Amino acid sequence: MIVAHLPDGVCRIRITTEPMFSRSEFVPLILESMLEGERKLLIDLGLVSMLHSPSLANLVTIHITLAKRDNEMILTGLHEKNLRILQITKLDRLFTVINAA
């Protein structure tokens, strides 16, 4: 996982290993990566070849937690297969997705 703190209150996280992404420790690790004052979390999934149930559950948990804080989660870099998974599960209606790979 690579974390970058960008201007305008954006925290960008690039997921670099799929096994970590599916673990229960992933959610607190992501949320703790955001600095005070950062209001947007940009998660780059370009290196994730397949979204599985645990990773989808983690994304939902992160989204809900951030929404309660009036913060935003944005997914980027999704491969076509992963976009299709979001569509099938209707999570494309919940998540903001930009810049698909």
PDB file of N, CA and C in Angstrom:
ATOM      1  N   MET A   1       0.851  -1.168   0.000  1.00  0.00           N
ATOM      2  CA  MET A   1       0.000   0.000   0.000  1.00  0.00           C
ATOM      3  C   MET A   1       0.898   1.232   0.000  1.00  0.00           C
ATOM      4  N   ILE A   2       0.615   2.132  -0.919  1.00  0.00           N
ATOM      5  CA  ILE A   2       1.375   3.376  -1.013  1.00  0.00           C
ATOM      6  C   ILE A   2       0.422   4.524  -0.710  1.00  0.00           C
ATOM      7  N   VAL A   3       0.786   5.358   0.257  1.00  0.00           N
ATOM      8  CA  VAL A   3      -0.057   6.472   0.687  1.00  0.00           C
ATOM      9  C   VAL A   3       0.586   7.781   0.260  1.00  0.00           C
ATOM     10  N   ALA A   4      -0.220   8.671  -0.313  1.00  0.00           N
ATOM     11  CA  ALA A   4       0.245  10.012  -0.678  1.00  0.00           C
ATOM     12  C   ALA A   4      -0.789  11.018  -0.191  1.00  0.00           C
ATOM     13  N   HIS A   5      -0.312  12.083   0.410  1.00  0.00           N
ATOM     14  CA  HIS A   5      -1.193  13.145   0.883  1.00  0.00           C
ATOM     15  C   HIS A   5      -1.100  14.287  -0.121  1.00  0.00           C
ATOM     16  N   LEU A   6      -2.193  14.529  -0.833  1.00  0.00           N
ATOM     17  CA  LEU A   6      -2.242  15.495  -1.918  1.00  0.00           C
ATOM     18  C   LEU A   6      -2.849  16.806  -1.434  1.00  0.00           C
ATOM     19  N   PRO A   7      -2.669  17.865  -2.217  1.00  0.00           N
ATOM     20  CA  PRO A   7      -3.294  19.143  -1.853  1.00  0.00           C
ATOM     21  C   PRO A   7      -4.821  19.024  -1.823  1.00  0.00           C
ATOM     22  N   ASP A   8      -5.444  20.009  -1.272  1.00  0.00           N
ATOM     23  CA  ASP A   8      -6.903  20.103  -1.211  1.00  0.00           C
ATOM     24  C   ASP A   8      -7.554  18.997  -0.387  1.00  0.00           C
ATOM     25  N   GLY A   9      -6.854  18.495   0.621  1.00  0.00           N
ATOM     26  CA  GLY A   9      -7.444  17.543   1.545  1.00  0.00           C
ATOM     27  C   GLY A   9      -7.724  16.167   0.973  1.00  0.00           C
ATOM     28  N   VAL A  10      -6.840  15.697   0.086  1.00  0.00           N
ATOM     29  CA  VAL A  10      -7.023  14.391  -0.542  1.00  0.00           C
ATOM     30  C   VAL A  10      -5.932  13.432  -0.079  1.00  0.00           C
ATOM     31  N   CYS A  11      -6.343  12.251   0.339  1.00  0.00           N
ATOM     32  CA  CYS A  11      -5.420  11.165   0.665  1.00  0.00           C
ATOM     33  C   CYS A  11      -5.567  10.116  -0.430  1.00  0.00           C
ATOM     34  N   ARG A  12      -4.466   9.834  -1.146  1.00  0.00           N
ATOM     35  CA  ARG A  12      -4.504   8.820  -2.208  1.00  0.00           C
ATOM     36  C   ARG A  12      -3.792   7.566  -1.722  1.00  0.00           C
ATOM     37  N   ILE A  13      -4.462   6.439  -1.850  1.00  0.00           N
ATOM     38  CA  ILE A  13      -3.884   5.160  -1.448  1.00  0.00           C
ATOM     39  C   ILE A  13      -3.906   4.224  -2.647  1.00  0.00           C
ATOM     40  N   ARG A  14      -2.739   3.704  -2.984  1.00  0.00           N
ATOM     41  CA  ARG A  14      -2.644   2.719  -4.067  1.00  0.00           C
ATOM     42  C   ARG A  14      -2.495   1.340  -3.433  1.00  0.00           C
ATOM     43  N   ILE A  15      -3.425   0.463  -3.746  1.00  0.00           N
ATOM     44  CA  ILE A  15      -3.388  -0.901  -3.229  1.00  0.00           C
ATOM     45  C   ILE A  15      -2.377  -1.680  -4.063  1.00  0.00           C
ATOM     46  N   THR A  16      -1.381  -2.256  -3.396  1.00  0.00           N
ATOM     47  CA  THR A  16      -0.304  -2.938  -4.115  1.00  0.00           C
ATOM     48  C   THR A  16      -0.328  -4.450  -3.954  1.00  0.00           C
ATOM     49  N   THR A  17      -1.064  -4.953  -2.980  1.00  0.00           N
ATOM     50  CA  THR A  17      -1.162  -6.406  -2.804  1.00  0.00           C
ATOM     51  C   THR A  17      -2.609  -6.789  -2.518  1.00  0.00           C
ATOM     52  N   GLU A  18      -3.121  -7.700  -3.297  1.00  0.00           N
ATOM     53  CA  GLU A  18      -4.512  -8.119  -3.128  1.00  0.00           C
ATOM     54  C   GLU A  18      -4.787  -8.823  -1.805  1.00  0.00           C
ATOM     55  N   PRO A  19      -3.894  -9.708  -1.315  1.00  0.00           N
ATOM     56  CA  PRO A  19      -4.205 -10.372  -0.037  1.00  0.00           C
ATOM     57  C   PRO A  19      -4.436  -9.385   1.106  1.00  0.00           C
ATOM     58  N   MET A  20      -3.647  -8.318   1.164  1.00  0.00           N
ATOM     59  CA  MET A  20      -3.824  -7.327   2.221  1.00  0.00           C
ATOM     60  C   MET A  20      -5.189  -6.659   2.096  1.00  0.00           C
ATOM     61  N   PHE A  21      -5.616  -6.419   0.878  1.00  0.00           N
ATOM     62  CA  PHE A  21      -6.865  -5.728   0.594  1.00  0.00           C
ATOM     63  C   PHE A  21      -8.071  -6.499   1.121  1.00  0.00           C
ATOM     64  N   SER A  22      -7.971  -7.803   1.206  1.00  0.00           N
ATOM     65  CA  SER A  22      -9.089  -8.640   1.650  1.00  0.00           C
ATOM     66  C   SER A  22      -9.080  -8.931   3.148  1.00  0.00           C
ATOM     67  N   ARG A  23      -8.066  -8.483   3.854  1.00  0.00           N
ATOM     68  CA  ARG A  23      -7.946  -8.793   5.284  1.00  0.00           C
ATOM     69  C   ARG A  23      -8.756  -7.823   6.134  1.00  0.00           C
ATOM     70  N   SER A  24      -9.167  -8.284   7.303  1.00  0.00           N
ATOM     71  CA  SER A  24      -9.972  -7.444   8.193  1.00  0.00           C
ATOM     72  C   SER A  24      -9.187  -6.251   8.720  1.00  0.00           C
ATOM     73  N   GLU A  25      -7.863  -6.356   8.776  1.00  0.00           N
ATOM     74  CA  GLU A  25      -7.039  -5.241   9.267  1.00  0.00           C
ATOM     75  C   GLU A  25      -6.974  -4.100   8.262  1.00  0.00           C
ATOM     76  N   PHE A  26      -7.457  -4.329   7.067  1.00  0.00           N
ATOM     77  CA  PHE A  26      -7.347  -3.337   6.004  1.00  0.00           C
ATOM     78  C   PHE A  26      -8.113  -2.055   6.331  1.00  0.00           C
ATOM     79  N   VAL A  27      -9.328  -2.176   6.849  1.00  0.00           N
ATOM     80  CA  VAL A  27     -10.164  -1.002   7.103  1.00  0.00           C
ATOM     81  C   VAL A  27      -9.505  -0.037   8.084  1.00  0.00           C
ATOM     82  N   PRO A  28      -9.093  -0.480   9.284  1.00  0.00           N
ATOM     83  CA  PRO A  28      -8.450   0.478  10.185  1.00  0.00           C
ATOM     84  C   PRO A  28      -7.156   1.042   9.610  1.00  0.00           C
ATOM     85  N   LEU A  29      -6.415   0.233   8.877  1.00  0.00           N
ATOM     86  CA  LEU A  29      -5.172   0.699   8.267  1.00  0.00           C
ATOM     87  C   LEU A  29      -5.441   1.850   7.298  1.00  0.00           C
ATOM     88  N   ILE A  30      -6.474   1.712   6.497  1.00  0.00           N
ATOM     89  CA  ILE A  30      -6.842   2.756   5.539  1.00  0.00           C
ATOM     90  C   ILE A  30      -7.309   4.009   6.268  1.00  0.00           C
ATOM     91  N   LEU A  31      -8.219   3.845   7.210  1.00  0.00           N
ATOM     92  CA  LEU A  31      -8.780   5.003   7.904  1.00  0.00           C
ATOM     93  C   LEU A  31      -7.720   5.753   8.701  1.00  0.00           C
ATOM     94  N   GLU A  32      -6.763   5.035   9.265  1.00  0.00           N
ATOM     95  CA  GLU A  32      -5.687   5.680  10.021  1.00  0.00           C
ATOM     96  C   GLU A  32      -4.687   6.386   9.114  1.00  0.00           C
ATOM     97  N   SER A  33      -4.702   6.082   7.833  1.00  0.00           N
ATOM     98  CA  SER A  33      -3.781   6.719   6.892  1.00  0.00           C
ATOM     99  C   SER A  33      -4.188   8.147   6.563  1.00  0.00           C
ATOM    100  N   MET A  34      -5.449   8.465   6.765  1.00  0.00           N
ATOM    101  CA  MET A  34      -5.914   9.821   6.460  1.00  0.00           C
ATOM    102  C   MET A  34      -5.471  10.784   7.556  1.00  0.00           C
ATOM    103  N   LEU A  35      -4.987  11.938   7.125  1.00  0.00           N
ATOM    104  CA  LEU A  35      -4.554  12.971   8.055  1.00  0.00           C
ATOM    105  C   LEU A  35      -5.735  13.847   8.464  1.00  0.00           C
ATOM    106  N   GLU A  36      -5.578  14.525   9.580  1.00  0.00           N
ATOM    107  CA  GLU A  36      -6.576  15.490  10.037  1.00  0.00           C
ATOM    108  C   GLU A  36      -6.804  16.513   8.923  1.00  0.00           C
ATOM    109  N   GLY A  37      -8.055  16.763   8.610  1.00  0.00           N
ATOM    110  CA  GLY A  37      -8.386  17.749   7.583  1.00  0.00           C
ATOM    111  C   GLY A  37      -8.551  17.172   6.184  1.00  0.00           C
ATOM    112  N   GLU A  38      -8.143  15.932   5.979  1.00  0.00           N
ATOM    113  CA  GLU A  38      -8.346  15.321   4.664  1.00  0.00           C
ATOM    114  C   GLU A  38      -9.797  14.851   4.570  1.00  0.00           C
ATOM    115  N   ARG A  39     -10.471  15.249   3.503  1.00  0.00           N
ATOM    116  CA  ARG A  39     -11.899  14.971   3.372  1.00  0.00           C
ATOM    117  C   ARG A  39     -12.221  14.003   2.242  1.00  0.00           C
ATOM    118  N   LYS A  40     -11.220  13.704   1.416  1.00  0.00           N
ATOM    119  CA  LYS A  40     -11.434  12.763   0.315  1.00  0.00           C
ATOM    120  C   LYS A  40     -10.392  11.662   0.375  1.00  0.00           C
ATOM    121  N   LEU A  41     -10.859  10.444   0.163  1.00  0.00           N
ATOM    122  CA  LEU A  41      -9.973   9.287   0.091  1.00  0.00           C
ATOM    123  C   LEU A  41     -10.073   8.722  -1.315  1.00  0.00           C
ATOM    124  N   LEU A  42      -8.973   8.761  -2.037  1.00  0.00           N
ATOM    125  CA  LEU A  42      -8.892   8.238  -3.395  1.00  0.00           C
ATOM    126  C   LEU A  42      -8.177   6.898  -3.328  1.00  0.00           C
ATOM    127  N   ILE A  43      -8.882   5.817  -3.634  1.00  0.00           N
ATOM    128  CA  ILE A  43      -8.299   4.477  -3.577  1.00  0.00           C
ATOM    129  C   ILE A  43      -8.042   4.001  -5.001  1.00  0.00           C
ATOM    130  N   ASP A  44      -6.763   3.809  -5.326  1.00  0.00           N
ATOM    131  CA  ASP A  44      -6.344   3.353  -6.651  1.00  0.00           C
ATOM    132  C   ASP A  44      -6.291   1.827  -6.650  1.00  0.00           C
ATOM    133  N   LEU A  45      -7.159   1.223  -7.444  1.00  0.00           N
ATOM    134  CA  LEU A  45      -7.264  -0.237  -7.506  1.00  0.00           C
ATOM    135  C   LEU A  45      -6.666  -0.800  -8.794  1.00  0.00           C
ATOM    136  N   GLY A  46      -5.792  -0.042  -9.435  1.00  0.00           N
ATOM    137  CA  GLY A  46      -5.213  -0.453 -10.706  1.00  0.00           C
ATOM    138  C   GLY A  46      -4.416  -1.741 -10.655  1.00  0.00           C
ATOM    139  N   LEU A  47      -3.875  -2.095  -9.499  1.00  0.00           N
ATOM    140  CA  LEU A  47      -3.093  -3.325  -9.367  1.00  0.00           C
ATOM    141  C   LEU A  47      -3.915  -4.497  -8.829  1.00  0.00           C
ATOM    142  N   VAL A  48      -5.188  -4.266  -8.594  1.00  0.00           N
ATOM    143  CA  VAL A  48      -6.069  -5.319  -8.077  1.00  0.00           C
ATOM    144  C   VAL A  48      -6.746  -6.000  -9.265  1.00  0.00           C
ATOM    145  N   SER A  49      -6.413  -7.268  -9.485  1.00  0.00           N
ATOM    146  CA  SER A  49      -6.948  -7.969 -10.654  1.00  0.00           C
ATOM    147  C   SER A  49      -8.377  -8.457 -10.452  1.00  0.00           C
ATOM    148  N   MET A  50      -8.770  -8.714  -9.201  1.00  0.00           N
ATOM    149  CA  MET A  50     -10.107  -9.257  -8.949  1.00  0.00           C
ATOM    150  C   MET A  50     -10.625  -8.799  -7.597  1.00  0.00           C
ATOM    151  N   LEU A  51     -11.817  -8.221  -7.589  1.00  0.00           N
ATOM    152  CA  LEU A  51     -12.471  -7.850  -6.343  1.00  0.00           C
ATOM    153  C   LEU A  51     -13.250  -9.057  -5.824  1.00  0.00           C
ATOM    154  N   HIS A  52     -12.934  -9.484  -4.606  1.00  0.00           N
ATOM    155  CA  HIS A  52     -13.608 -10.616  -3.972  1.00  0.00           C
ATOM    156  C   HIS A  52     -14.541 -10.093  -2.883  1.00  0.00           C
ATOM    157  N   SER A  53     -15.366 -10.956  -2.343  1.00  0.00           N
ATOM    158  CA  SER A  53     -16.334 -10.555  -1.315  1.00  0.00           C
ATOM    159  C   SER A  53     -15.707  -9.822  -0.135  1.00  0.00           C
ATOM    160  N   PRO A  54     -14.596 -10.312   0.445  1.00  0.00           N
ATOM    161  CA  PRO A  54     -14.014  -9.582   1.578  1.00  0.00           C
ATOM    162  C   PRO A  54     -13.543  -8.175   1.200  1.00  0.00           C
ATOM    163  N   SER A  55     -12.987  -8.026   0.015  1.00  0.00           N
ATOM    164  CA  SER A  55     -12.529  -6.696  -0.392  1.00  0.00           C
ATOM    165  C   SER A  55     -13.719  -5.772  -0.641  1.00  0.00           C
ATOM    166  N   LEU A  56     -14.801  -6.294  -1.202  1.00  0.00           N
ATOM    167  CA  LEU A  56     -16.005  -5.482  -1.391  1.00  0.00           C
ATOM    168  C   LEU A  56     -16.587  -5.066  -0.043  1.00  0.00           C
ATOM    169  N   ALA A  57     -16.604  -5.992   0.908  1.00  0.00           N
ATOM    170  CA  ALA A  57     -17.099  -5.666   2.253  1.00  0.00           C
ATOM    171  C   ALA A  57     -16.241  -4.581   2.891  1.00  0.00           C
ATOM    172  N   ASN A  58     -14.932  -4.660   2.713  1.00  0.00           N
ATOM    173  CA  ASN A  58     -14.039  -3.631   3.247  1.00  0.00           C
ATOM    174  C   ASN A  58     -14.332  -2.274   2.615  1.00  0.00           C
ATOM    175  N   LEU A  59     -14.556  -2.246   1.314  1.00  0.00           N
ATOM    176  CA  LEU A  59     -14.866  -0.979   0.644  1.00  0.00           C
ATOM    177  C   LEU A  59     -16.179  -0.391   1.148  1.00  0.00           C
ATOM    178  N   VAL A  60     -17.180  -1.230   1.363  1.00  0.00           N
ATOM    179  CA  VAL A  60     -18.459  -0.746   1.898  1.00  0.00           C
ATOM    180  C   VAL A  60     -18.260  -0.173   3.298  1.00  0.00           C
ATOM    181  N   THR A  61     -17.510  -0.857   4.135  1.00  0.00           N
ATOM    182  CA  THR A  61     -17.250  -0.376   5.496  1.00  0.00           C
ATOM    183  C   THR A  61     -16.526   0.962   5.478  1.00  0.00           C
ATOM    184  N   ILE A  62     -15.521   1.086   4.633  1.00  0.00           N
ATOM    185  CA  ILE A  62     -14.783   2.352   4.522  1.00  0.00           C
ATOM    186  C   ILE A  62     -15.715   3.454   4.038  1.00  0.00           C
ATOM    187  N   HIS A  63     -16.505   3.166   3.026  1.00  0.00           N
ATOM    188  CA  HIS A  63     -17.444   4.158   2.486  1.00  0.00           C
ATOM    189  C   HIS A  63     -18.409   4.650   3.568  1.00  0.00           C
ATOM    190  N   ILE A  64     -19.010   3.727   4.300  1.00  0.00           N
ATOM    191  CA  ILE A  64     -19.978   4.094   5.339  1.00  0.00           C
ATOM    192  C   ILE A  64     -19.310   4.907   6.441  1.00  0.00           C
ATOM    193  N   THR A  65     -18.136   4.478   6.872  1.00  0.00           N
ATOM    194  CA  THR A  65     -17.412   5.196   7.926  1.00  0.00           C
ATOM    195  C   THR A  65     -17.088   6.620   7.489  1.00  0.00           C
ATOM    196  N   LEU A  66     -16.603   6.771   6.274  1.00  0.00           N
ATOM    197  CA  LEU A  66     -16.261   8.107   5.779  1.00  0.00           C
ATOM    198  C   LEU A  66     -17.505   8.968   5.588  1.00  0.00           C
ATOM    199  N   ALA A  67     -18.588   8.380   5.107  1.00  0.00           N
ATOM    200  CA  ALA A  67     -19.825   9.139   4.915  1.00  0.00           C
ATOM    201  C   ALA A  67     -20.344   9.684   6.245  1.00  0.00           C
ATOM    202  N   LYS A  68     -20.212   8.901   7.314  1.00  0.00           N
ATOM    203  CA  LYS A  68     -20.632   9.369   8.639  1.00  0.00           C
ATOM    204  C   LYS A  68     -19.801  10.559   9.100  1.00  0.00           C
ATOM    205  N   ARG A  69     -18.572  10.654   8.607  1.00  0.00           N
ATOM    206  CA  ARG A  69     -17.679  11.774   8.946  1.00  0.00           C
ATOM    207  C   ARG A  69     -17.814  12.920   7.941  1.00  0.00           C
ATOM    208  N   ASP A  70     -18.757  12.794   7.023  1.00  0.00           N
ATOM    209  CA  ASP A  70     -18.948  13.767   5.945  1.00  0.00           C
ATOM    210  C   ASP A  70     -17.723  13.836   5.031  1.00  0.00           C
ATOM    211  N   ASN A  71     -17.078  12.689   4.845  1.00  0.00           N
ATOM    212  CA  ASN A  71     -15.935  12.560   3.945  1.00  0.00           C
ATOM    213  C   ASN A  71     -16.349  11.713   2.749  1.00  0.00           C
ATOM    214  N   GLU A  72     -15.489  11.670   1.741  1.00  0.00           N
ATOM    215  CA  GLU A  72     -15.830  10.987   0.495  1.00  0.00           C
ATOM    216  C   GLU A  72     -14.769   9.964   0.121  1.00  0.00           C
ATOM    217  N   MET A  73     -15.212   8.822  -0.404  1.00  0.00           N
ATOM    218  CA  MET A  73     -14.307   7.808  -0.943  1.00  0.00           C
ATOM    219  C   MET A  73     -14.517   7.744  -2.450  1.00  0.00           C
ATOM    220  N   ILE A  74     -13.416   7.741  -3.190  1.00  0.00           N
ATOM    221  CA  ILE A  74     -13.456   7.654  -4.648  1.00  0.00           C
ATOM    222  C   ILE A  74     -12.573   6.489  -5.071  1.00  0.00           C
ATOM    223  N   LEU A  75     -13.099   5.634  -5.934  1.00  0.00           N
ATOM    224  CA  LEU A  75     -12.325   4.514  -6.467  1.00  0.00           C
ATOM    225  C   LEU A  75     -11.825   4.876  -7.858  1.00  0.00           C
ATOM    226  N   THR A  76     -10.589   4.514  -8.142  1.00  0.00           N
ATOM    227  CA  THR A  76     -10.013   4.792  -9.450  1.00  0.00           C
ATOM    228  C   THR A  76      -9.159   3.617  -9.907  1.00  0.00           C
ATOM    229  N   GLY A  77      -8.898   3.564 -11.204  1.00  0.00           N
ATOM    230  CA  GLY A  77      -8.004   2.558 -11.759  1.00  0.00           C
ATOM    231  C   GLY A  77      -8.593   1.171 -11.885  1.00  0.00           C
ATOM    232  N   LEU A  78      -9.898   1.044 -11.773  1.00  0.00           N
ATOM    233  CA  LEU A  78     -10.512  -0.288 -11.841  1.00  0.00           C
ATOM    234  C   LEU A  78     -10.420  -0.877 -13.244  1.00  0.00           C
ATOM    235  N   HIS A  79     -10.086  -2.147 -13.297  1.00  0.00           N
ATOM    236  CA  HIS A  79     -10.099  -2.874 -14.562  1.00  0.00           C
ATOM    237  C   HIS A  79     -11.551  -3.173 -14.934  1.00  0.00           C
ATOM    238  N   GLU A  80     -11.783  -3.422 -16.204  1.00  0.00           N
ATOM    239  CA  GLU A  80     -13.143  -3.668 -16.706  1.00  0.00           C
ATOM    240  C   GLU A  80     -13.854  -4.781 -15.928  1.00  0.00           C
ATOM    241  N   LYS A  81     -13.128  -5.841 -15.611  1.00  0.00           N
ATOM    242  CA  LYS A  81     -13.711  -6.965 -14.862  1.00  0.00           C
ATOM    243  C   LYS A  81     -14.210  -6.498 -13.490  1.00  0.00           C
ATOM    244  N   ASN A  82     -13.441  -5.643 -12.827  1.00  0.00           N
ATOM    245  CA  ASN A  82     -13.843  -5.157 -11.507  1.00  0.00           C
ATOM    246  C   ASN A  82     -14.997  -4.165 -11.599  1.00  0.00           C
ATOM    247  N   LEU A  83     -15.021  -3.373 -12.657  1.00  0.00           N
ATOM    248  CA  LEU A  83     -16.175  -2.492 -12.872  1.00  0.00           C
ATOM    249  C   LEU A  83     -17.446  -3.325 -13.044  1.00  0.00           C
ATOM    250  N   ARG A  84     -17.324  -4.416 -13.758  1.00  0.00           N
ATOM    251  CA  ARG A  84     -18.471  -5.301 -13.983  1.00  0.00           C
ATOM    252  C   ARG A  84     -18.952  -5.910 -12.657  1.00  0.00           C
ATOM    253  N   ILE A  85     -18.012  -6.273 -11.796  1.00  0.00           N
ATOM    254  CA  ILE A  85     -18.379  -6.804 -10.473  1.00  0.00           C
ATOM    255  C   ILE A  85     -19.159  -5.758  -9.683  1.00  0.00           C
ATOM    256  N   LEU A  86     -18.712  -4.506  -9.731  1.00  0.00           N
ATOM    257  CA  LEU A  86     -19.438  -3.437  -9.039  1.00  0.00           C
ATOM    258  C   LEU A  86     -20.838  -3.266  -9.619  1.00  0.00           C
ATOM    259  N   GLN A  87     -20.974  -3.397 -10.935  1.00  0.00           N
ATOM    260  CA  GLN A  87     -22.291  -3.271 -11.567  1.00  0.00           C
ATOM    261  C   GLN A  87     -23.207  -4.427 -11.170  1.00  0.00           C
ATOM    262  N   ILE A  88     -22.684  -5.636 -11.192  1.00  0.00           N
ATOM    263  CA  ILE A  88     -23.489  -6.816 -10.849  1.00  0.00           C
ATOM    264  C   ILE A  88     -23.983  -6.735  -9.405  1.00  0.00           C
ATOM    265  N   THR A  89     -23.124  -6.272  -8.514  1.00  0.00           N
ATOM    266  CA  THR A  89     -23.479  -6.165  -7.093  1.00  0.00           C
ATOM    267  C   THR A  89     -24.211  -4.865  -6.774  1.00  0.00           C
ATOM    268  N   LYS A  90     -24.379  -4.022  -7.779  1.00  0.00           N
ATOM    269  CA  LYS A  90     -25.032  -2.707  -7.647  1.00  0.00           C
ATOM    270  C   LYS A  90     -24.233  -1.736  -6.773  1.00  0.00           C
ATOM    271  N   LEU A  91     -22.986  -2.076  -6.482  1.00  0.00           N
ATOM    272  CA  LEU A  91     -22.147  -1.175  -5.691  1.00  0.00           C
ATOM    273  C   LEU A  91     -21.691   0.030  -6.505  1.00  0.00           C
ATOM    274  N   ASP A  92     -21.836  -0.035  -7.821  1.00  0.00           N
ATOM    275  CA  ASP A  92     -21.520   1.130  -8.647  1.00  0.00           C
ATOM    276  C   ASP A  92     -22.475   2.283  -8.339  1.00  0.00           C
ATOM    277  N   ARG A  93     -23.616   1.974  -7.730  1.00  0.00           N
ATOM    278  CA  ARG A  93     -24.565   3.015  -7.320  1.00  0.00           C
ATOM    279  C   ARG A  93     -24.173   3.650  -5.987  1.00  0.00           C
ATOM    280  N   LEU A  94     -23.390   2.933  -5.209  1.00  0.00           N
ATOM    281  CA  LEU A  94     -22.952   3.419  -3.899  1.00  0.00           C
ATOM    282  C   LEU A  94     -21.641   4.187  -3.998  1.00  0.00           C
ATOM    283  N   PHE A  95     -20.694   3.638  -4.753  1.00  0.00           N
ATOM    284  CA  PHE A  95     -19.348   4.207  -4.829  1.00  0.00           C
ATOM    285  C   PHE A  95     -19.226   5.220  -5.962  1.00  0.00           C
ATOM    286  N   THR A  96     -18.345   6.189  -5.753  1.00  0.00           N
ATOM    287  CA  THR A  96     -17.934   7.084  -6.826  1.00  0.00           C
ATOM    288  C   THR A  96     -16.734   6.445  -7.501  1.00  0.00           C
ATOM    289  N   VAL A  97     -16.834   6.230  -8.816  1.00  0.00           N
ATOM    290  CA  VAL A  97     -15.761   5.593  -9.576  1.00  0.00           C
ATOM    291  C   VAL A  97     -15.349   6.541 -10.691  1.00  0.00           C
ATOM    292  N   ILE A  98     -14.029   6.814 -10.772  1.00  0.00           N
ATOM    293  CA  ILE A  98     -13.516   7.669 -11.846  1.00  0.00           C
ATOM    294  C   ILE A  98     -12.297   7.018 -12.487  1.00  0.00           C
ATOM    295  N   ASN A  99     -11.999   7.449 -13.688  1.00  0.00           N
ATOM    296  CA  ASN A  99     -10.742   7.095 -14.351  1.00  0.00           C
ATOM    297  C   ASN A  99     -10.495   5.596 -14.389  1.00  0.00           C
ATOM    298  N   ALA A 100     -11.448   4.853 -14.929  1.00  0.00           N
ATOM    299  CA  ALA A 100     -11.296   3.398 -15.015  1.00  0.00           C
ATOM    300  C   ALA A 100     -10.137   3.045 -15.925  1.00  0.00           C
ATOM    301  N   ALA A 101      -9.402   1.979 -15.572  1.00  0.00           N
ATOM    302  CA  ALA A 101      -8.238   1.554 -16.359  1.00  0.00           C
ATOM    303  C   ALA A 101      -8.692   0.934 -17.665  1.00  0.00           C
TER     304      ALA A 101
END
